[in-house]
Amino acid sequence: MKNFRIPTQILYEDNAIQYLEKLNSKGVFIVTDKVMFDIGVTDNVTNILEENSIKYEIFSEVQPEPTMEVVTHGFKRFLDYGGDTIIAVGGGSVIDASKAMIYFLNVLQKKVPSSNQQKPLFIAIPSTSGTGSEVTSYAVITDAATHTKIPLKSDEMYADVALLDWIFTKTVPPTVTADTALDVLTHALEAYVSVGSSDYTDALAKSAIETVFDYTEKVYKNGLDQESRTKIHNASCMAGIAFENAGLGINHSIAHTLGATFKITHGRANAILLPYVVEYNSSLFDENDCYDFKTAKRYSEIARLLGLPQSDFKEGVVMFVKALKALLQSVNIPLAIKDLGVDENAFNSAMKSMCETAMKDMCTLGNPRVTNEKGICSVLMKAYYGK
């Protein structure tokens, strides 16, 4: 038996932010980052709160790949403030940090029932179109001392409300726009071929994949294109729902450790790995390890969805890989890790550790091809040299 859930209320497209006009709160704790605060993106929220005489406090210390130290500081600030609502305004890092604070609030409530700490209303307002974190029960926090990712999962971390309003995304620079859009594609594609995929997740994943191919280059070239921003923003959320219910795979497992080791943003790490993970999972180049080419056929279905020519499923996979590489190049994402400036000796020295870490990552369980450290290493080597 499988389960499909969407606990979060999703308000989307024009004027979704107006939801806050009806907010009934005694105190709002806004979690964001310095950039969002400095360029006035959070003003879209605070102006409404002020107009409705709702008190608020802003915590703007979240950084990319949020650390446990930042989460702990924000957690303490929230306890001191004592609000009943948390609003996350930012990208995946901000939303993940907010979810981690809620996670530890739940731990506190269980450990110290006398604290009377109630779960706050949690509103997620994504400012990038990539992570889908506004509709998932996952969060990833970084241990600054060991440079490892700490995955957290709890139903308590689901946002109560997600507001998808394009006005929060129009200031995102082209490079971040590209990286996050490719993160959407990775989420959707991994969900589609995951061992946990279903008719429900397939529908969402296919729509998100098609949208990314149709609109990524457009929004990369013109960040003020409202239609393209809105389409990619919706696709991000749809892909988030898909992978929340279906699971992910080794693309994310490898990206987590690669990004943590060499300070590569999550979306870019996913993007560079994607063509090589598709080749590996399809098993076309090591047929002795595959019996039915089920995953290759799934990839060929996506190639057909995109209108790519193919005479059989094997050619479909080849054409899809070509299309992935063309998409990356259209938004100036390199096809090789080495082109990011990662030193070859440093990369080889970290190889064993990265492969071991990727194998232990929870995302590996969802991969359609049963893998091992040798398989992970082969993907990393191909991705490093771009061939």
Protein backbone atom coordinates (compact mmCIF):
# COMPACT_ATOMS: atom_id res chain seq x y z
CA MET A 1 0.00 0.00 0.00
CA LYS A 2 1.26 3.46 -0.91
CA ASN A 3 0.40 6.83 0.58
CA PHE A 4 0.10 10.24 -1.09
CA ARG A 5 -0.06 13.38 1.04
CA ILE A 6 -0.27 17.13 0.54
CA PRO A 7 -0.80 18.50 4.09
CA THR A 8 0.19 22.05 3.12
CA GLN A 9 -2.36 24.56 1.89
CA ILE A 10 -0.93 26.08 -1.29
CA LEU A 11 -1.88 29.58 -2.39
CA TYR A 12 -0.31 30.52 -5.70
CA GLU A 13 0.15 33.03 -8.51
CA ASP A 14 -0.95 36.68 -8.43
CA ASN A 15 -1.40 38.26 -5.01
CA ALA A 16 -0.96 35.08 -2.98
CA ILE A 17 0.71 37.32 -0.40
CA GLN A 18 -2.71 38.84 0.36
CA TYR A 19 -3.37 35.79 2.53
CA LEU A 20 -1.43 37.60 5.25
CA GLU A 21 -4.06 40.35 5.37
CA LYS A 22 -6.38 37.93 7.17
CA LEU A 23 -3.71 36.53 9.48
CA ASN A 24 -4.73 36.34 13.13
CA SER A 25 -1.51 36.33 15.13
CA LYS A 26 -0.25 37.70 18.45
CA GLY A 27 3.33 37.79 17.20
CA VAL A 28 5.16 36.79 14.02
CA PHE A 29 8.76 35.57 13.92
CA ILE A 30 10.13 36.18 10.41
CA VAL A 31 13.06 34.01 9.34
CA THR A 32 15.06 35.26 6.37
CA ASP A 33 18.59 36.07 5.24
CA LYS A 34 20.53 39.32 5.08
CA VAL A 35 20.12 39.72 1.33
CA MET A 36 16.33 39.35 1.45
CA PHE A 37 16.23 41.87 4.26
CA ASP A 38 18.65 44.38 2.73
CA ILE A 39 16.99 44.52 -0.70
CA GLY A 40 13.55 44.91 0.85
CA VAL A 41 11.95 41.61 -0.15
CA THR A 42 10.75 41.09 3.42
CA ASP A 43 8.99 44.47 3.20
CA ASN A 44 6.28 42.70 1.20
CA VAL A 45 5.47 40.84 4.41
CA THR A 46 6.16 43.44 7.09
CA ASN A 47 4.11 46.14 5.33
CA ILE A 48 1.02 43.93 5.53
CA LEU A 49 1.70 43.05 9.16
CA GLU A 50 2.13 46.70 10.10
CA GLU A 51 -1.06 47.66 8.28
CA ASN A 52 -2.90 45.09 10.39
CA SER A 53 -1.14 46.02 13.66
CA ILE A 54 0.53 42.61 14.01
CA LYS A 55 3.77 42.57 16.00
CA TYR A 56 6.80 40.89 14.45
CA GLU A 57 10.49 40.23 14.92
CA ILE A 58 12.98 39.50 12.15
CA PHE A 59 15.77 36.93 12.31
CA SER A 60 17.95 37.53 9.25
CA GLU A 61 21.06 35.50 10.05
CA VAL A 62 20.39 32.47 7.83
CA GLN A 63 23.17 31.75 5.35
CA PRO A 64 23.36 29.34 2.39
CA GLU A 65 23.65 25.73 3.59
CA PRO A 66 22.46 26.71 7.12
CA THR A 67 24.50 25.40 10.01
CA MET A 68 23.34 23.94 13.30
CA GLU A 69 24.76 27.02 15.02
CA VAL A 70 22.48 29.35 13.05
CA VAL A 71 19.47 27.13 13.68
CA THR A 72 20.25 27.03 17.40
CA HIS A 73 20.57 30.81 17.55
CA GLY A 74 17.28 31.29 15.72
CA PHE A 75 15.61 28.71 17.95
CA LYS A 76 16.68 30.62 21.07
CA ARG A 77 15.55 33.93 19.57
CA PHE A 78 12.11 32.49 18.83
CA LEU A 79 11.75 31.15 22.37
CA ASP A 80 12.71 34.54 23.79
CA TYR A 81 10.26 36.32 21.47
CA GLY A 82 7.37 33.95 22.15
CA GLY A 83 5.38 34.43 18.93
CA ASP A 84 2.71 32.07 17.65
CA THR A 85 3.61 32.26 13.95
CA ILE A 86 6.78 31.64 11.95
CA ILE A 87 7.03 33.05 8.44
CA ALA A 88 9.99 31.91 6.35
CA VAL A 89 10.87 34.33 3.55
CA GLY A 90 13.68 33.08 1.36
CA GLY A 91 15.11 30.16 -0.53
CA GLY A 92 15.55 26.57 0.53
CA SER A 93 18.15 27.44 3.14
CA VAL A 94 15.80 29.84 4.93
CA ILE A 95 12.87 27.44 4.79
CA ASP A 96 15.02 24.52 5.94
CA ALA A 97 16.37 26.56 8.85
CA SER A 98 12.80 27.47 9.86
CA LYS A 99 11.74 23.83 9.64
CA ALA A 100 14.69 22.81 11.80
CA MET A 101 13.64 25.33 14.45
CA ILE A 102 10.16 23.83 14.45
CA TYR A 103 11.69 20.36 14.66
CA PHE A 104 13.56 21.31 17.84
CA LEU A 105 10.48 23.04 19.23
CA ASN A 106 8.72 19.70 18.90
CA VAL A 107 11.63 17.95 20.63
CA LEU A 108 11.43 20.47 23.46
CA GLN A 109 7.69 19.93 23.83
CA LYS A 110 8.16 16.17 24.10
CA LYS A 111 11.12 16.34 26.49
CA VAL A 112 9.73 19.12 28.67
CA PRO A 113 5.91 18.97 28.53
CA SER A 114 5.69 21.65 31.21
CA SER A 115 7.19 24.16 28.77
CA ASN A 116 3.72 24.51 27.21
CA GLN A 117 5.43 25.27 23.92
CA GLN A 118 2.82 24.94 21.17
CA LYS A 119 3.65 24.41 17.51
CA PRO A 120 3.50 27.79 15.77
CA LEU A 121 1.58 28.41 12.58
CA PHE A 122 4.21 27.93 9.87
CA ILE A 123 3.97 29.91 6.64
CA ALA A 124 6.60 29.33 3.94
CA ILE A 125 7.17 31.97 1.25
CA PRO A 126 9.85 30.72 -1.18
CA SER A 127 11.93 33.36 -2.93
CA THR A 128 13.61 30.88 -5.27
CA SER A 129 12.08 28.24 -7.49
CA GLY A 130 14.03 25.08 -6.77
CA THR A 131 13.94 23.26 -3.48
CA GLY A 132 10.22 22.61 -3.06
CA SER A 133 10.95 22.83 0.65
CA GLU A 134 7.67 24.65 1.24
CA VAL A 135 5.75 21.38 0.76
CA THR A 136 8.10 18.77 2.21
CA SER A 137 8.77 17.32 5.66
CA TYR A 138 12.54 17.30 5.10
CA ALA A 139 15.26 19.75 6.06
CA VAL A 140 19.02 19.55 5.58
CA ILE A 141 21.34 21.29 8.05
CA THR A 142 25.13 21.44 7.87
CA ASP A 143 27.52 20.48 10.64
CA ALA A 144 30.14 23.21 10.27
CA ALA A 145 32.79 21.22 12.14
CA THR A 146 32.62 18.06 10.01
CA HIS A 147 31.21 19.61 6.80
CA THR A 148 28.53 16.93 6.71
CA LYS A 149 24.84 17.29 5.98
CA ILE A 150 22.37 16.44 8.74
CA PRO A 151 19.01 15.33 7.30
CA LEU A 152 15.92 15.94 9.41
CA LYS A 153 12.47 14.51 8.73
CA SER A 154 9.27 15.00 10.66
CA ASP A 155 5.64 15.64 9.82
CA GLU A 156 5.87 18.55 12.25
CA MET A 157 8.00 20.35 9.68
CA TYR A 158 5.33 20.55 7.01
CA ALA A 159 4.39 24.16 6.39
CA ASP A 160 0.77 24.91 7.22
CA VAL A 161 0.59 27.34 4.32
CA ALA A 162 2.81 27.91 1.28
CA LEU A 163 2.53 31.23 -0.55
CA LEU A 164 3.81 31.06 -4.14
CA ASP A 165 3.93 34.63 -5.37
CA TRP A 166 6.27 35.53 -8.19
CA ILE A 167 7.07 38.96 -6.71
CA PHE A 168 9.39 37.20 -4.27
CA THR A 169 11.43 35.66 -7.12
CA LYS A 170 11.89 38.50 -9.60
CA THR A 171 15.13 39.78 -8.01
CA VAL A 172 16.85 36.36 -8.16
CA PRO A 173 20.02 36.69 -10.29
CA PRO A 174 20.39 34.59 -13.48
CA THR A 175 22.95 32.16 -12.04
CA VAL A 176 20.76 31.30 -9.06
CA THR A 177 17.71 31.13 -11.34
CA ALA A 178 19.49 28.53 -13.47
CA ASP A 179 20.80 26.48 -10.55
CA THR A 180 17.43 26.34 -8.82
CA ALA A 181 15.51 25.50 -12.01
CA LEU A 182 17.83 22.54 -12.57
CA ASP A 183 17.20 21.53 -8.98
CA VAL A 184 13.49 21.40 -9.88
CA LEU A 185 14.32 19.17 -12.84
CA THR A 186 16.42 16.85 -10.67
CA HIS A 187 13.63 16.55 -8.09
CA ALA A 188 11.04 15.76 -10.73
CA LEU A 189 13.19 13.33 -12.70
CA GLU A 190 14.37 11.42 -9.65
CA ALA A 191 10.79 11.20 -8.37
CA TYR A 192 9.68 9.87 -11.76
CA VAL A 193 12.15 6.97 -11.79
CA SER A 194 12.22 6.39 -8.01
CA VAL A 195 11.22 3.03 -6.58
CA GLY A 196 8.44 4.91 -4.79
CA SER A 197 6.90 6.52 -7.88
CA SER A 198 3.17 6.26 -8.51
CA ASP A 199 0.51 7.50 -10.90
CA TYR A 200 0.01 10.50 -8.63
CA THR A 201 3.67 11.50 -8.43
CA ASP A 202 4.25 10.73 -12.13
CA ALA A 203 1.65 13.29 -13.20
CA LEU A 204 3.26 16.02 -11.13
CA ALA A 205 6.81 15.04 -12.11
CA LYS A 206 6.10 14.99 -15.85
CA SER A 207 4.44 18.38 -15.74
CA ALA A 208 7.37 19.86 -13.81
CA ILE A 209 9.94 18.35 -16.20
CA GLU A 210 8.13 19.73 -19.25
CA THR A 211 7.86 23.16 -17.63
CA VAL A 212 11.57 23.32 -16.82
CA PHE A 213 12.51 22.54 -20.42
CA ASP A 214 9.99 25.09 -21.74
CA TYR A 215 10.74 28.04 -19.45
CA THR A 216 14.22 27.82 -17.88
CA GLU A 217 16.14 29.52 -20.65
CA LYS A 218 13.44 32.20 -20.94
CA VAL A 219 13.53 33.13 -17.27
CA TYR A 220 17.34 32.94 -17.23
CA LYS A 221 17.48 35.58 -19.96
CA ASN A 222 14.69 37.73 -18.53
CA GLY A 223 14.10 37.53 -14.80
CA LEU A 224 11.16 39.94 -15.05
CA ASP A 225 9.21 37.58 -17.31
CA GLN A 226 6.22 37.04 -15.04
CA GLU A 227 4.81 34.06 -16.92
CA SER A 228 8.12 32.18 -16.89
CA ARG A 229 8.79 33.01 -13.24
CA THR A 230 5.32 31.81 -12.27
CA LYS A 231 5.56 28.61 -14.31
CA ILE A 232 8.92 27.62 -12.83
CA HIS A 233 7.72 28.58 -9.33
CA ASN A 234 4.70 26.30 -9.68
CA ALA A 235 6.87 23.53 -11.15
CA SER A 236 9.18 23.75 -8.15
CA CYS A 237 6.28 23.15 -5.80
CA MET A 238 4.88 20.33 -7.93
CA ALA A 239 8.26 18.60 -8.04
CA GLY A 240 8.49 19.04 -4.27
CA ILE A 241 5.17 17.24 -3.79
CA ALA A 242 6.33 14.51 -6.18
CA PHE A 243 9.61 13.72 -4.45
CA GLU A 244 8.10 14.11 -0.98
CA ASN A 245 5.80 11.21 -1.85
CA ALA A 246 8.03 9.18 -4.20
CA GLY A 247 11.55 9.74 -2.88
CA LEU A 248 14.76 10.75 -4.63
CA GLY A 249 17.93 8.91 -5.67
CA ILE A 250 21.70 8.98 -5.95
CA ASN A 251 21.76 12.27 -7.84
CA HIS A 252 20.89 13.94 -4.55
CA SER A 253 23.00 11.58 -2.45
CA ILE A 254 26.10 12.47 -4.45
CA ALA A 255 25.20 16.18 -4.70
CA HIS A 256 24.89 16.42 -0.91
CA THR A 257 28.43 15.18 -0.26
CA LEU A 258 29.95 16.86 -3.33
CA GLY A 259 28.45 20.21 -2.35
CA ALA A 260 29.50 19.91 1.28
CA THR A 261 33.06 18.89 0.36
CA PHE A 262 33.79 21.50 -2.29
CA LYS A 263 31.34 24.31 -1.42
CA ILE A 264 29.26 23.82 -4.57
CA THR A 265 25.68 25.04 -4.39
CA HIS A 266 23.12 22.26 -4.19
CA GLY A 267 21.34 23.11 -7.43
CA ARG A 268 24.55 23.35 -9.44
CA ALA A 269 25.90 20.09 -8.01
CA ASN A 270 22.66 18.35 -8.95
CA ALA A 271 22.70 19.86 -12.43
CA ILE A 272 26.23 18.79 -13.32
CA LEU A 273 25.64 15.25 -12.06
CA LEU A 274 22.31 14.77 -13.82
CA PRO A 275 23.40 13.54 -17.29
CA TYR A 276 25.85 11.05 -15.77
CA VAL A 277 23.34 9.72 -13.24
CA VAL A 278 20.84 9.15 -16.08
CA GLU A 279 23.48 7.21 -18.00
CA TYR A 280 24.34 5.14 -14.93
CA ASN A 281 20.76 4.38 -13.91
CA SER A 282 19.78 3.43 -17.46
CA SER A 283 22.47 0.69 -17.48
CA LEU A 284 22.87 1.06 -21.25
CA PHE A 285 26.64 1.03 -21.04
CA ASP A 286 26.98 -1.93 -18.66
CA GLU A 287 24.18 -4.22 -19.77
CA ASN A 288 25.38 -7.20 -17.75
CA ASP A 289 24.14 -5.40 -14.65
CA CYS A 290 20.60 -4.93 -15.95
CA TYR A 291 17.88 -7.36 -16.90
CA ASP A 292 14.85 -5.39 -18.03
CA PHE A 293 16.01 -1.79 -18.66
CA LYS A 294 12.95 -0.57 -16.77
CA THR A 295 14.60 2.71 -15.78
CA ALA A 296 15.96 3.29 -19.28
CA LYS A 297 12.43 2.91 -20.60
CA ARG A 298 11.20 5.46 -18.06
CA TYR A 299 13.82 7.95 -19.25
CA SER A 300 12.80 7.29 -22.86
CA GLU A 301 9.20 8.15 -21.90
CA ILE A 302 10.45 11.57 -20.80
CA ALA A 303 12.34 11.96 -24.08
CA ARG A 304 9.09 11.21 -25.90
CA LEU A 305 7.24 13.72 -23.71
CA LEU A 306 9.74 16.37 -24.76
CA GLY A 307 9.28 15.50 -28.43
CA LEU A 308 12.79 14.08 -28.90
CA PRO A 309 13.24 11.67 -31.82
CA GLN A 310 13.89 8.01 -31.01
CA SER A 311 13.59 4.67 -32.76
CA ASP A 312 13.76 2.68 -29.53
CA PHE A 313 14.15 3.26 -25.79
CA LYS A 314 17.95 3.11 -25.94
CA GLU A 315 18.06 5.91 -28.46
CA GLY A 316 15.52 7.75 -26.31
CA VAL A 317 17.92 7.72 -23.37
CA VAL A 318 20.80 8.94 -25.53
CA MET A 319 18.68 11.78 -26.89
CA PHE A 320 17.49 12.70 -23.41
CA VAL A 321 21.07 12.94 -22.13
CA LYS A 322 21.89 15.19 -25.08
CA ALA A 323 18.89 17.37 -24.24
CA LEU A 324 19.99 17.62 -20.59
CA LYS A 325 23.46 18.74 -21.61
CA ALA A 326 22.03 21.27 -24.06
CA LEU A 327 19.79 22.70 -21.34
CA LEU A 328 22.75 23.07 -18.97
CA GLN A 329 24.81 24.81 -21.63
CA SER A 330 21.92 27.17 -22.50
CA VAL A 331 22.10 28.60 -18.95
CA ASN A 332 25.90 28.50 -18.66
CA ILE A 333 26.18 25.56 -16.29
CA PRO A 334 29.37 23.59 -17.01
CA LEU A 335 29.23 19.90 -17.90
CA ALA A 336 32.21 18.96 -15.74
CA ILE A 337 33.04 19.39 -12.05
CA LYS A 338 36.60 20.33 -12.95
CA ASP A 339 35.30 23.39 -14.75
CA LEU A 340 34.12 24.72 -11.38
CA GLY A 341 37.75 25.04 -10.32
CA VAL A 342 37.83 21.86 -8.20
CA ASP A 343 41.43 20.65 -8.01
CA GLU A 344 41.96 17.17 -9.44
CA ASN A 345 44.19 15.96 -6.59
CA ALA A 346 41.78 17.28 -3.97
CA PHE A 347 38.90 15.61 -5.78
CA ASN A 348 40.65 12.25 -5.97
CA SER A 349 41.66 12.49 -2.31
CA ALA A 350 38.05 13.07 -1.30
CA MET A 351 36.63 10.38 -3.57
CA LYS A 352 36.49 7.50 -1.10
CA SER A 353 34.91 9.63 1.62
CA MET A 354 32.32 11.08 -0.76
CA CYS A 355 31.35 7.63 -2.06
CA GLU A 356 30.96 6.27 1.47
CA THR A 357 28.87 9.25 2.52
CA ALA A 358 26.65 9.04 -0.56
CA MET A 359 25.94 5.37 0.09
CA LYS A 360 24.73 6.23 3.59
CA ASP A 361 22.51 9.10 2.39
CA MET A 362 18.79 8.41 2.82
CA CYS A 363 18.13 9.38 -0.81
CA THR A 364 20.08 6.36 -2.05
CA LEU A 365 17.27 4.07 -0.92
CA GLY A 366 14.96 5.53 -3.56
CA ASN A 367 17.33 5.03 -6.48
CA PRO A 368 15.91 2.77 -9.20
CA ARG A 369 19.21 0.96 -9.72
CA VAL A 370 20.71 -0.82 -6.73
CA THR A 371 24.13 0.74 -6.38
CA ASN A 372 27.39 0.45 -4.46
CA GLU A 373 30.46 2.57 -3.81
CA LYS A 374 31.99 1.51 -7.12
CA GLY A 375 28.92 2.77 -8.97
CA ILE A 376 28.93 6.08 -7.08
CA CYS A 377 32.62 6.55 -7.87
CA SER A 378 32.03 5.89 -11.57
CA VAL A 379 29.39 8.64 -11.68
CA LEU A 380 31.68 11.08 -9.87
CA MET A 381 34.61 10.36 -12.19
CA LYS A 382 32.52 10.87 -15.32
CA ALA A 383 31.04 14.05 -13.90
CA TYR A 384 34.46 15.40 -12.90
CA TYR A 385 35.88 15.10 -16.43
CA GLY A 386 32.59 15.62 -18.25
CA LYS A 387 32.67 12.40 -20.22
